Amino acid sequence: MNQVNMLIVDDEPIICRGLRETVPWEEAGVAVVGEAYDGEEALKLIAELGVDLVLTDICMPVMDGLQLAEKVKESLPHVRLVILSGYGEFEYARQAVRLGIEDFLLKPAEIPEMLGMVSRIAGEIRSERLLELSRQRDKRLALLHELMRGGADGCKPHYAPDSGSMPSAPEGVYRFVASQAVRGAQWLERIEEPLSPGELEQWKSSVDSALTGVGAEPLSFYYHANVLLTFCIEREPLEEARLSAALANMTRLLDTGERLVFGLSETFRDWSEARRHGMSAIHYLHYAEVEPGRPVWYAPEVAAAEKSGHAELSPDAEKRMIQSFFQNDKEELARQVRSWIGELQAQAIPVKELFRLYEELRLLVLRRMRSNGADMPVVKTFDLHLYNTFETAGAIIVAELQAMLASLQPGAIGKNRWLVERAFGYIGEKAHYDLKASEVAAWLKITPSYFSVIFKQHAGCGFTEYINGLRIGRAKAYLSETHDRVFEIADKVGYKDYKYFVAVFKATTGVTPTEYRNMAGGKVG
């Protein structure tokens, strides 16, 4: 990666040998990989030896240095050339400049001068390599994002293979590594902001470092606020035991102590299979609660868990929960639900199976409510990547059933609306602080789970989405009406991290804050 290969070209072998052996090229980070004695020979060696830099004389038989330079510029434009010219060859130097070659030395060149020029060019070559690697990485990330957004039948990316925009396929085999924080709902509630650059960036860096340490090349992005998806390039297929050990060593997330779980897809070689394997790795995360001590899940373990992981809604449990619901016994309802969930947990089923059974129970409750003439509450779907333990799933299920029960009481809809209206007022006053949903719930003297349910019912979105919308709305007003600088506005509306503010603003509006200010004709900050 860091070595720059140089070819020396001169029609006098003794000069080639002298340049090669007397100049300490290693000090410039350059390796002399060959010598050529005319331009034609040089052209062949440049392609064969992977040459990055050519140090060439001008006057040579067969093909001179300028003709060589012209051929190289046509067929291998990335190769840099340094032209050696004598004092009597000024016209040649002018032609070199016209060819776009700015690097030439007058003979006899001093070694420090020669080393300085070659060192500078070698540094530029290394920088260009890094830039190209970054471009390829960005293209691969864009393609992976598009593939993972596709429907069940996959997604045909918009990259046209003949347009030059398709990223080059890396050599080796591929696999996906999906990672997730257990107790995702609580963890995301505790950190400063969901999708903030703090813990989430460190999480990504930690996974990348673990995979790099075993010889893989990782490319990570957030598929979900609580799912990091890593496209992993392996020059040779890694042993699963070695890969598992590397990941198991970092199952604690940062300083928060949150536990991580990993899902690893099988290896594959075709980009077109990326979505299927990516979704498989994500799917494996749902089985973390089947065997909490297992940090890494592969296809065989999931297949075994699926065989024994099916459960039914028992008639007795169903009867007890529905009875306590329609007897308006809030505490007994919570007790019966938790008892039922405990029984399911003892059967070692995945949490997603719990939510499937709860859908059956909820449907039964809604039918009874409809037959009793009750107004139908707005029900929500549950995010399996957040409510990914029996504890968090149980809390949100109890909260929703209690909210549905409360809606049956006279004046309940108005009471809940009053609570949410109070929440709106409180959030409006405190939005510029580091405000969390749990703090608003505590101020209202209700549980966070119950607040989550009724807030989404009335606001039509989650807490984080609502507060981001409020902050960005205020930021737009500041951008249009004030001279404040963008970083000052970010702080005013509640974002302590400037880069995160820009990211949220662009995700919400489609433009950066500066672009918005220019479009709005606002004050220059």
Protein backbone atom coordinates (compact mmCIF):
# COMPACT_ATOMS: atom_id res chain seq x y z
CA MET A 1 0.00 0.00 0.00
CA ASN A 2 2.74 2.48 1.01
CA GLN A 3 5.49 1.33 -1.35
CA VAL A 4 5.91 3.28 -4.57
CA ASN A 5 7.55 1.34 -7.43
CA MET A 6 9.97 3.26 -9.64
CA LEU A 7 11.55 2.41 -12.98
CA ILE A 8 14.83 4.06 -14.08
CA VAL A 9 15.21 4.62 -17.84
CA ASP A 10 18.49 5.64 -19.52
CA ASP A 11 20.30 4.35 -22.59
CA GLU A 12 23.53 4.07 -20.58
CA PRO A 13 23.43 1.03 -18.26
CA ILE A 14 26.14 2.47 -16.04
CA ILE A 15 23.99 5.53 -15.33
CA CYS A 16 20.97 3.35 -14.53
CA ARG A 17 23.07 1.25 -12.16
CA GLY A 18 24.59 4.32 -10.55
CA LEU A 19 21.21 5.93 -9.93
CA ARG A 20 19.86 2.69 -8.57
CA GLU A 21 22.72 1.88 -6.21
CA THR A 22 24.00 5.25 -5.01
CA VAL A 23 20.77 7.08 -4.23
CA PRO A 24 19.04 6.01 -0.94
CA TRP A 25 15.60 5.76 -2.54
CA GLU A 26 14.18 4.00 0.55
CA GLU A 27 14.38 7.35 2.34
CA ALA A 28 11.76 8.60 -0.11
CA GLY A 29 9.60 5.51 0.37
CA VAL A 30 10.43 4.32 -3.14
CA ALA A 31 11.56 0.90 -4.41
CA VAL A 32 13.45 0.68 -7.71
CA VAL A 33 11.89 -2.36 -9.37
CA GLY A 34 13.73 -2.27 -12.69
CA GLU A 35 15.85 -0.55 -15.33
CA ALA A 36 15.21 0.04 -19.03
CA TYR A 37 17.55 1.30 -21.73
CA ASP A 38 15.05 2.73 -24.20
CA GLY A 39 11.42 3.83 -24.28
CA GLU A 40 9.98 0.67 -25.85
CA GLU A 41 11.55 -1.57 -23.23
CA ALA A 42 10.34 0.82 -20.53
CA LEU A 43 6.73 0.65 -21.76
CA LYS A 44 6.71 -3.14 -21.40
CA LEU A 45 8.24 -3.07 -17.92
CA ILE A 46 5.87 -0.37 -16.64
CA ALA A 47 2.89 -2.66 -17.22
CA GLU A 48 4.64 -5.87 -16.09
CA LEU A 49 6.17 -4.54 -12.85
CA GLY A 50 3.31 -2.35 -11.62
CA VAL A 51 5.35 0.83 -11.89
CA ASP A 52 4.04 4.00 -10.27
CA LEU A 53 6.87 6.40 -11.11
CA VAL A 54 9.32 6.62 -14.03
CA LEU A 55 12.64 8.48 -13.84
CA THR A 56 13.72 8.84 -17.49
CA ASP A 57 16.35 10.51 -19.60
CA ILE A 58 15.22 12.33 -22.76
CA CYS A 59 17.78 11.38 -25.37
CA MET A 60 17.55 7.65 -26.08
CA PRO A 61 17.47 5.49 -29.24
CA VAL A 62 14.35 3.67 -30.54
CA MET A 63 11.93 5.72 -28.41
CA ASP A 64 13.11 8.81 -26.57
CA GLY A 65 11.91 10.04 -23.18
CA LEU A 66 9.30 12.44 -24.56
CA GLN A 67 7.78 9.78 -26.82
CA LEU A 68 7.71 7.43 -23.83
CA ALA A 69 6.02 10.12 -21.75
CA GLU A 70 3.37 10.64 -24.43
CA LYS A 71 2.62 6.90 -24.63
CA VAL A 72 2.44 6.58 -20.85
CA LYS A 73 0.08 9.55 -20.57
CA GLU A 74 -2.23 7.92 -23.15
CA SER A 75 -2.38 4.39 -21.77
CA LEU A 76 -1.35 4.66 -18.09
CA PRO A 77 -2.31 8.16 -16.94
CA HIS A 78 -1.84 7.30 -13.26
CA VAL A 79 1.91 6.71 -13.75
CA ARG A 80 4.00 9.76 -12.87
CA LEU A 81 7.15 10.74 -14.80
CA VAL A 82 10.26 12.68 -13.87
CA ILE A 83 12.24 13.85 -16.91
CA LEU A 84 16.03 14.23 -16.72
CA SER A 85 17.27 16.87 -19.19
CA GLY A 86 20.60 18.58 -19.82
CA TYR A 87 21.16 22.34 -20.08
CA GLY A 88 21.19 22.08 -23.86
CA GLU A 89 17.81 20.36 -23.94
CA PHE A 90 15.62 23.28 -22.89
CA GLU A 91 13.29 22.80 -25.86
CA TYR A 92 12.74 19.22 -24.74
CA ALA A 93 11.78 20.50 -21.30
CA ARG A 94 9.26 22.86 -22.88
CA GLN A 95 7.72 19.92 -24.77
CA ALA A 96 7.54 17.97 -21.52
CA VAL A 97 5.55 20.80 -19.95
CA ARG A 98 3.16 20.80 -22.93
CA LEU A 99 2.62 17.07 -22.33
CA GLY A 100 1.52 17.89 -18.80
CA ILE A 101 4.78 16.77 -17.15
CA GLU A 102 5.75 19.32 -14.53
CA ASP A 103 8.46 17.26 -12.89
CA PHE A 104 11.88 17.46 -14.53
CA LEU A 105 15.42 17.76 -13.28
CA LEU A 106 18.48 19.32 -14.90
CA LYS A 107 21.48 17.05 -15.18
CA PRO A 108 23.64 16.54 -13.33
CA ALA A 109 21.06 16.54 -10.53
CA GLU A 110 22.17 16.65 -6.92
CA ILE A 111 21.06 13.65 -4.84
CA PRO A 112 19.20 15.76 -2.20
CA GLU A 113 17.31 17.59 -4.95
CA MET A 114 16.44 14.31 -6.68
CA LEU A 115 15.37 12.67 -3.43
CA GLY A 116 13.26 15.67 -2.49
CA MET A 117 11.36 15.66 -5.77
CA VAL A 118 10.84 11.88 -5.81
CA SER A 119 9.78 11.91 -2.14
CA ARG A 120 7.18 14.61 -2.86
CA ILE A 121 5.81 12.71 -5.86
CA ALA A 122 5.74 9.45 -3.90
CA GLY A 123 3.71 11.19 -1.19
CA GLU A 124 1.26 12.47 -3.80
CA ILE A 125 0.93 8.95 -5.25
CA ARG A 126 0.16 7.51 -1.81
CA SER A 127 -2.42 10.26 -1.20
CA GLU A 128 -4.07 9.50 -4.55
CA ARG A 129 -4.20 5.81 -3.64
CA LEU A 130 -5.93 6.62 -0.37
CA LEU A 131 -8.37 8.90 -2.17
CA GLU A 132 -9.18 6.18 -4.72
CA LEU A 133 -9.65 3.63 -1.94
CA SER A 134 -12.00 6.06 -0.25
CA ARG A 135 -13.94 6.53 -3.49
CA GLN A 136 -14.25 2.77 -3.96
CA ARG A 137 -15.33 2.39 -0.35
CA ASP A 138 -18.01 5.07 -0.76
CA LYS A 139 -19.28 3.41 -3.94
CA ARG A 140 -19.46 0.03 -2.24
CA LEU A 141 -21.28 1.55 0.72
CA ALA A 142 -23.79 3.24 -1.60
CA LEU A 143 -24.35 -0.04 -3.43
CA LEU A 144 -24.77 -1.97 -0.18
CA HIS A 145 -27.26 0.61 1.12
CA GLU A 146 -29.26 0.30 -2.08
CA LEU A 147 -29.16 -3.49 -2.05
CA MET A 148 -30.29 -3.64 1.58
CA ARG A 149 -33.19 -1.25 0.85
CA GLY A 150 -34.52 -3.61 -1.85
CA GLY A 151 -37.73 -5.61 -1.61
CA ALA A 152 -38.08 -9.27 -0.79
CA ASP A 153 -37.11 -10.21 -4.33
CA GLY A 154 -33.91 -8.20 -4.10
CA CYS A 155 -32.95 -4.94 -5.67
CA LYS A 156 -31.33 -4.11 -8.97
CA PRO A 157 -28.86 -1.32 -8.19
CA HIS A 158 -28.87 1.80 -10.31
CA TYR A 159 -25.17 1.45 -11.08
CA ALA A 160 -24.60 0.88 -14.78
CA PRO A 161 -21.66 -1.52 -15.25
CA ASP A 162 -20.47 0.35 -18.34
CA SER A 163 -20.75 3.81 -16.78
CA GLY A 164 -17.65 3.60 -14.65
CA SER A 165 -19.70 4.08 -11.48
CA MET A 166 -19.81 0.42 -10.49
CA PRO A 167 -17.28 -0.15 -7.69
CA SER A 168 -14.62 -2.71 -8.46
CA ALA A 169 -15.38 -6.05 -6.84
CA PRO A 170 -12.81 -6.78 -4.13
CA GLU A 171 -10.98 -10.09 -4.31
CA GLY A 172 -11.83 -12.85 -1.86
CA VAL A 173 -15.02 -14.09 -0.25
CA TYR A 174 -17.64 -11.99 1.49
CA ARG A 175 -19.88 -12.33 4.50
CA PHE A 176 -22.06 -10.07 6.61
CA VAL A 177 -21.62 -9.53 10.32
CA ALA A 178 -24.64 -7.99 12.03
CA SER A 179 -24.30 -6.71 15.59
CA GLN A 180 -26.87 -5.42 18.01
CA ALA A 181 -26.99 -4.09 21.54
CA VAL A 182 -29.11 -6.28 23.77
CA ARG A 183 -31.75 -4.20 25.56
CA GLY A 184 -31.63 -1.81 22.60
CA ALA A 185 -34.57 0.35 23.73
CA GLN A 186 -32.95 1.21 27.07
CA TRP A 187 -29.52 1.70 25.57
CA LEU A 188 -30.70 4.13 22.90
CA GLU A 189 -32.70 5.96 25.54
CA ARG A 190 -29.57 6.44 27.66
CA ILE A 191 -27.18 7.72 25.00
CA GLU A 192 -27.20 11.37 24.03
CA GLU A 193 -29.07 10.95 20.75
CA PRO A 194 -30.07 7.93 18.67
CA LEU A 195 -27.68 7.73 15.71
CA SER A 196 -25.35 10.25 17.38
CA PRO A 197 -21.65 10.08 16.53
CA GLY A 198 -20.63 9.19 20.08
CA GLU A 199 -21.13 5.60 21.23
CA LEU A 200 -22.40 4.50 17.83
CA GLU A 201 -19.21 5.57 16.09
CA GLN A 202 -17.13 3.84 18.75
CA TRP A 203 -19.24 0.71 18.35
CA LYS A 204 -18.52 0.72 14.62
CA SER A 205 -14.82 1.34 15.19
CA SER A 206 -14.61 -1.49 17.72
CA VAL A 207 -16.23 -4.01 15.37
CA ASP A 208 -14.06 -2.86 12.46
CA SER A 209 -10.94 -3.19 14.61
CA ALA A 210 -11.85 -6.72 15.77
CA LEU A 211 -12.44 -7.87 12.19
CA THR A 212 -9.33 -6.16 10.85
CA GLY A 213 -7.35 -7.92 13.58
CA VAL A 214 -8.17 -11.34 12.13
CA GLY A 215 -7.32 -10.32 8.58
CA ALA A 216 -10.71 -9.22 7.26
CA GLU A 217 -11.56 -5.94 5.52
CA PRO A 218 -14.74 -4.51 7.09
CA LEU A 219 -17.18 -2.00 5.64
CA SER A 220 -19.75 -1.03 8.29
CA PHE A 221 -22.92 1.03 8.23
CA TYR A 222 -26.03 1.36 10.38
CA TYR A 223 -28.94 -0.58 8.94
CA HIS A 224 -30.99 0.47 11.98
CA ALA A 225 -30.33 2.61 15.05
CA ASN A 226 -29.56 -0.63 16.91
CA VAL A 227 -28.17 -2.77 14.09
CA LEU A 228 -24.66 -2.30 12.75
CA LEU A 229 -24.23 -4.23 9.50
CA THR A 230 -20.69 -4.99 8.38
CA PHE A 231 -19.81 -6.20 4.90
CA CYS A 232 -16.71 -8.29 5.51
CA ILE A 233 -14.14 -9.07 2.79
CA GLU A 234 -11.96 -12.09 3.53
CA ARG A 235 -9.02 -12.83 1.24
CA GLU A 236 -9.37 -16.45 2.33
CA PRO A 237 -12.41 -17.77 4.26
CA LEU A 238 -11.75 -17.24 7.96
CA GLU A 239 -12.23 -20.08 10.41
CA GLU A 240 -15.51 -19.55 12.22
CA ALA A 241 -13.89 -20.29 15.59
CA ARG A 242 -11.30 -17.55 15.05
CA LEU A 243 -13.91 -15.06 13.88
CA SER A 244 -16.21 -15.89 16.80
CA ALA A 245 -13.39 -15.49 19.30
CA ALA A 246 -12.48 -12.05 17.95
CA LEU A 247 -16.08 -10.86 18.20
CA ALA A 248 -16.79 -12.54 21.55
CA ASN A 249 -13.91 -10.55 23.07
CA MET A 250 -15.84 -7.31 22.51
CA THR A 251 -19.34 -8.32 23.55
CA ARG A 252 -19.52 -5.43 26.01
CA LEU A 253 -20.38 -2.16 24.27
CA LEU A 254 -18.09 0.67 25.28
CA ASP A 255 -18.25 1.98 28.83
CA THR A 256 -22.00 1.50 29.16
CA GLY A 257 -21.69 -2.24 29.83
CA GLU A 258 -24.35 -3.07 27.26
CA ARG A 259 -24.00 -6.56 25.82
CA LEU A 260 -23.54 -7.08 22.09
CA VAL A 261 -24.74 -10.05 20.08
CA PHE A 262 -23.61 -10.96 16.57
CA GLY A 263 -25.19 -12.70 13.58
CA LEU A 264 -22.81 -14.04 10.93
CA SER A 265 -23.94 -14.94 7.44
CA GLU A 266 -22.43 -17.70 5.36
CA THR A 267 -19.69 -16.68 2.93
CA PHE A 268 -20.50 -15.78 -0.68
CA ARG A 269 -18.68 -14.48 -3.76
CA ASP A 270 -21.34 -12.76 -5.88
CA TRP A 271 -22.45 -9.16 -5.15
CA SER A 272 -25.95 -10.09 -6.30
CA GLU A 273 -26.29 -12.35 -3.23
CA ALA A 274 -25.46 -9.52 -0.83
CA ARG A 275 -29.03 -8.68 0.19
CA ARG A 276 -29.98 -12.27 0.97
CA HIS A 277 -26.93 -12.83 3.15
CA GLY A 278 -27.22 -9.42 4.79
CA MET A 279 -30.82 -10.10 5.79
CA SER A 280 -29.80 -13.55 7.08
CA ALA A 281 -27.20 -12.02 9.41
CA ILE A 282 -29.81 -9.55 10.70
CA HIS A 283 -32.37 -12.33 11.11
CA TYR A 284 -29.97 -14.30 13.31
CA LEU A 285 -29.95 -11.47 15.87
CA HIS A 286 -33.54 -12.30 16.80
CA TYR A 287 -32.36 -15.52 18.43
CA ALA A 288 -30.08 -13.91 21.00
CA GLU A 289 -32.55 -14.51 23.85
CA VAL A 290 -32.90 -18.21 23.06
CA GLU A 291 -29.46 -18.77 24.56
CA PRO A 292 -28.33 -15.51 26.24
CA GLY A 293 -24.81 -16.80 26.88
CA ARG A 294 -24.08 -17.26 23.17
CA PRO A 295 -22.61 -14.04 21.70
CA VAL A 296 -22.27 -15.18 18.07
CA TRP A 297 -24.98 -16.84 15.96
CA TYR A 298 -24.44 -18.74 12.70
CA ALA A 299 -26.91 -20.49 10.41
CA PRO A 300 -26.61 -23.95 12.08
CA GLU A 301 -27.39 -22.60 15.57
CA VAL A 302 -30.36 -20.64 14.25
CA ALA A 303 -31.67 -23.67 12.33
CA ALA A 304 -31.58 -25.72 15.53
CA ALA A 305 -33.33 -22.95 17.48
CA GLU A 306 -36.04 -22.61 14.83
CA LYS A 307 -36.95 -26.28 15.12
CA SER A 308 -37.74 -25.96 18.81
CA GLY A 309 -38.70 -22.31 18.90
CA HIS A 310 -42.42 -22.48 17.99
CA ALA A 311 -45.05 -21.83 20.65
CA GLU A 312 -48.83 -21.44 20.87
CA LEU A 313 -51.04 -19.04 22.79
CA SER A 314 -52.34 -21.33 25.50
CA PRO A 315 -56.10 -21.17 26.15
CA ASP A 316 -55.56 -20.77 29.91
CA ALA A 317 -53.15 -17.86 29.57
CA GLU A 318 -55.40 -16.24 26.97
CA LYS A 319 -58.43 -16.56 29.24
CA ARG A 320 -56.66 -15.09 32.29
CA MET A 321 -55.29 -12.08 30.42
CA ILE A 322 -58.54 -11.25 28.61
CA GLN A 323 -60.52 -11.70 31.81
CA SER A 324 -58.31 -9.30 33.76
CA PHE A 325 -58.46 -6.83 30.84
CA PHE A 326 -62.25 -6.68 30.72
CA GLN A 327 -62.53 -6.70 34.49
CA ASN A 328 -60.60 -3.41 34.33
CA ASP A 329 -57.93 -4.79 36.68
CA LYS A 330 -54.79 -2.99 35.59
CA GLU A 331 -52.43 -4.59 38.11
CA GLU A 332 -53.76 -8.10 37.58
CA LEU A 333 -53.47 -7.63 33.83
CA ALA A 334 -49.80 -6.71 34.19
CA ARG A 335 -49.20 -9.69 36.49
CA GLN A 336 -50.88 -12.14 34.11
CA VAL A 337 -48.99 -10.79 31.08
CA ARG A 338 -45.64 -11.07 32.88
CA SER A 339 -46.47 -14.57 34.04
CA TRP A 340 -47.31 -15.60 30.48
CA ILE A 341 -44.11 -14.04 29.14
CA GLY A 342 -42.10 -15.87 31.82
CA GLU A 343 -43.58 -19.18 30.67
CA LEU A 344 -42.62 -18.42 27.08
CA GLN A 345 -39.12 -17.40 28.07
CA ALA A 346 -38.66 -20.71 29.86
CA GLN A 347 -39.43 -22.46 26.56
CA ALA A 348 -36.37 -20.79 24.96
CA ILE A 349 -38.27 -19.19 22.10
CA PRO A 350 -37.07 -16.05 20.30
CA VAL A 351 -38.58 -12.70 21.24
CA LYS A 352 -40.08 -12.34 17.77
CA GLU A 353 -42.19 -15.41 18.55
CA LEU A 354 -43.49 -13.64 21.67
CA PHE A 355 -44.60 -10.70 19.52
CA ARG A 356 -46.29 -13.07 17.05
CA LEU A 357 -48.31 -14.59 19.89
CA TYR A 358 -49.07 -11.15 21.30
CA GLU A 359 -50.52 -10.15 17.91
CA GLU A 360 -53.01 -13.01 18.31
CA LEU A 361 -53.89 -11.84 21.82
CA ARG A 362 -54.22 -8.21 20.76
CA LEU A 363 -56.52 -9.20 17.90
CA LEU A 364 -58.79 -11.04 20.31
CA VAL A 365 -58.90 -8.02 22.64
CA LEU A 366 -59.66 -5.61 19.79
CA ARG A 367 -62.50 -7.81 18.53
CA ARG A 368 -64.07 -7.86 22.00
CA MET A 369 -63.68 -4.09 22.28
CA ARG A 370 -65.32 -3.61 18.89
CA SER A 371 -68.22 -5.90 19.82
CA ASN A 372 -68.70 -3.85 23.01
CA GLY A 373 -68.95 -0.67 20.94
CA ALA A 374 -65.69 0.80 22.24
CA ASP A 375 -63.67 3.25 20.17
CA MET A 376 -60.74 1.48 18.54
CA PRO A 377 -57.35 2.70 19.81
CA VAL A 378 -54.44 3.32 17.48
CA VAL A 379 -52.14 0.31 17.82
CA LYS A 380 -48.47 0.30 16.90
CA THR A 381 -46.08 -2.22 15.46
CA PHE A 382 -43.10 -3.10 17.59
CA ASP A 383 -39.50 -2.71 16.54
CA LEU A 384 -37.83 -6.08 17.13
CA HIS A 385 -34.40 -4.50 17.04
CA LEU A 386 -35.27 -2.26 20.00
CA TYR A 387 -37.57 -4.48 22.06
CA ASN A 388 -35.22 -7.41 21.67
CA THR A 389 -35.34 -8.98 25.14
CA PHE A 390 -38.21 -10.51 27.08
CA GLU A 391 -37.84 -7.74 29.65
CA THR A 392 -38.16 -4.85 27.17
CA ALA A 393 -40.78 -6.66 25.10
CA GLY A 394 -42.82 -7.40 28.20
CA ALA A 395 -42.69 -3.77 29.35
CA ILE A 396 -43.97 -2.40 26.02
CA ILE A 397 -46.69 -5.09 25.73
CA VAL A 398 -47.96 -4.32 29.25
CA ALA A 399 -47.86 -0.59 28.48
CA GLU A 400 -49.92 -0.99 25.31
CA LEU A 401 -52.54 -3.24 26.93
CA GLN A 402 -52.86 -0.81 29.83
CA ALA A 403 -53.21 2.09 27.39
CA MET A 404 -55.93 0.17 25.55
CA LEU A 405 -57.59 -0.56 28.89
CA ALA A 406 -57.41 3.12 29.87
CA SER A 407 -59.09 4.07 26.58
CA LEU A 408 -62.18 2.14 27.67
CA GLN A 409 -62.68 4.37 30.71
CA PRO A 410 -64.99 7.42 30.53
CA GLY A 411 -62.98 10.49 29.61
CA ALA A 412 -59.85 8.40 29.03
CA ILE A 413 -59.21 9.73 25.53
CA GLY A 414 -59.38 13.28 26.84
CA LYS A 415 -57.11 12.40 29.76
CA ASN A 416 -54.47 10.90 27.49
CA ARG A 417 -54.74 13.86 25.15
CA TRP A 418 -54.26 16.16 28.14
CA LEU A 419 -51.14 14.22 29.18
CA VAL A 420 -49.68 14.44 25.68
CA GLU A 421 -50.54 18.13 25.40
CA ARG A 422 -48.66 18.72 28.65
CA ALA A 423 -45.77 16.71 27.20
CA PHE A 424 -45.78 18.88 24.06
CA GLY A 425 -45.55 22.01 26.19
CA TYR A 426 -42.76 20.61 28.35
CA ILE A 427 -40.79 19.40 25.31
CA GLY A 428 -41.20 22.81 23.66
CA GLU A 429 -39.66 24.51 26.70
CA LYS A 430 -36.83 22.00 27.17
CA ALA A 431 -36.03 20.93 23.59
CA HIS A 432 -32.77 22.88 23.54
CA TYR A 433 -31.49 20.75 26.44
CA ASP A 434 -30.40 17.10 26.36
CA LEU A 435 -33.98 15.92 26.84
CA LYS A 436 -34.95 12.24 26.99
CA ALA A 437 -38.34 10.55 26.80
CA SER A 438 -37.82 9.00 30.25
CA GLU A 439 -37.46 12.50 31.76
CA VAL A 440 -40.74 13.65 30.21
CA ALA A 441 -42.46 10.47 31.46
CA ALA A 442 -41.10 11.07 34.98
CA TRP A 443 -42.38 14.65 34.89
CA LEU A 444 -45.82 13.37 33.88
CA LYS A 445 -45.57 10.67 36.61
CA ILE A 446 -46.19 7.78 34.20
CA THR A 447 -43.94 4.92 33.09
CA PRO A 448 -41.66 5.40 30.05
CA SER A 449 -43.34 2.51 28.24
CA TYR A 450 -46.83 3.95 28.76
CA PHE A 451 -45.60 7.39 27.68
CA SER A 452 -44.11 5.85 24.52
CA VAL A 453 -47.44 4.27 23.59
CA ILE A 454 -49.72 7.27 24.19
CA PHE A 455 -47.22 9.76 22.72
CA LYS A 456 -47.03 7.87 19.44
CA GLN A 457 -50.81 7.44 19.38
CA HIS A 458 -51.36 11.20 19.62
CA ALA A 459 -48.23 12.62 17.97
CA GLY A 460 -48.16 10.17 15.07
CA CYS A 461 -44.42 9.62 15.52
CA GLY A 462 -41.91 8.59 18.14
CA PHE A 463 -40.34 10.92 20.70
CA THR A 464 -36.98 11.25 18.94
CA GLU A 465 -38.55 11.95 15.56
CA TYR A 466 -40.81 14.58 17.15
CA ILE A 467 -38.04 16.41 19.01
CA ASN A 468 -35.74 16.35 15.97
CA GLY A 469 -38.53 17.85 13.88
CA LEU A 470 -39.07 20.57 16.49
CA ARG A 471 -35.36 21.41 16.68
CA ILE A 472 -34.87 21.45 12.91
CA GLY A 473 -37.92 23.71 12.52
CA ARG A 474 -36.36 26.19 14.93
CA ALA A 475 -33.00 25.90 13.18
CA LYS A 476 -34.62 26.75 9.84
CA ALA A 477 -36.07 29.92 11.36
CA TYR A 478 -32.68 30.95 12.78
CA LEU A 479 -30.99 30.28 9.43
CA SER A 480 -33.51 32.43 7.59
CA GLU A 481 -33.79 35.30 10.05
CA THR A 482 -30.49 35.74 11.89
CA HIS A 483 -26.76 36.33 11.38
CA ASP A 484 -25.93 33.45 13.75
CA ARG A 485 -23.30 31.01 12.56
CA VAL A 486 -24.40 27.46 11.87
CA PHE A 487 -22.53 25.95 14.83
CA GLU A 488 -24.15 28.56 17.12
CA ILE A 489 -27.60 27.64 15.81
CA ALA A 490 -26.86 23.95 16.37
CA ASP A 491 -26.13 24.66 20.03
CA LYS A 492 -29.14 26.95 20.42
CA VAL A 493 -31.64 24.35 19.22
CA GLY A 494 -30.21 21.50 21.29
CA TYR A 495 -27.43 19.78 19.32
CA LYS A 496 -24.10 19.80 21.11
CA ASP A 497 -22.40 17.97 18.26
CA TYR A 498 -22.19 20.16 15.15
CA LYS A 499 -21.60 17.30 12.70
CA TYR A 500 -24.60 15.40 14.04
CA PHE A 501 -26.76 18.52 13.66
CA VAL A 502 -25.72 18.84 10.00
CA ALA A 503 -26.46 15.15 9.42
CA VAL A 504 -29.94 15.38 11.00
CA PHE A 505 -30.70 18.64 9.18
CA LYS A 506 -29.78 17.15 5.80
CA ALA A 507 -31.69 13.93 6.51
CA THR A 508 -34.78 16.03 7.38
CA THR A 509 -34.63 18.73 4.70
CA GLY A 510 -32.49 17.19 1.95
CA VAL A 511 -29.93 20.03 2.11
CA THR A 512 -27.23 21.19 4.50
CA PRO A 513 -27.88 24.16 6.83
CA THR A 514 -25.67 26.42 4.68
CA GLU A 515 -27.47 25.36 1.50
CA TYR A 516 -30.83 26.00 3.21
CA ARG A 517 -29.70 29.48 4.29
CA ASN A 518 -28.61 30.32 0.72
CA MET A 519 -31.89 29.01 -0.72
CA ALA A 520 -33.93 30.91 1.85
CA GLY A 521 -32.01 34.12 1.20
CA GLY A 522 -31.18 34.34 4.88
CA LYS A 523 -28.39 36.19 6.60
CA VAL A 524 -24.86 35.13 5.93
CA GLY A 525 -23.40 33.38 8.98
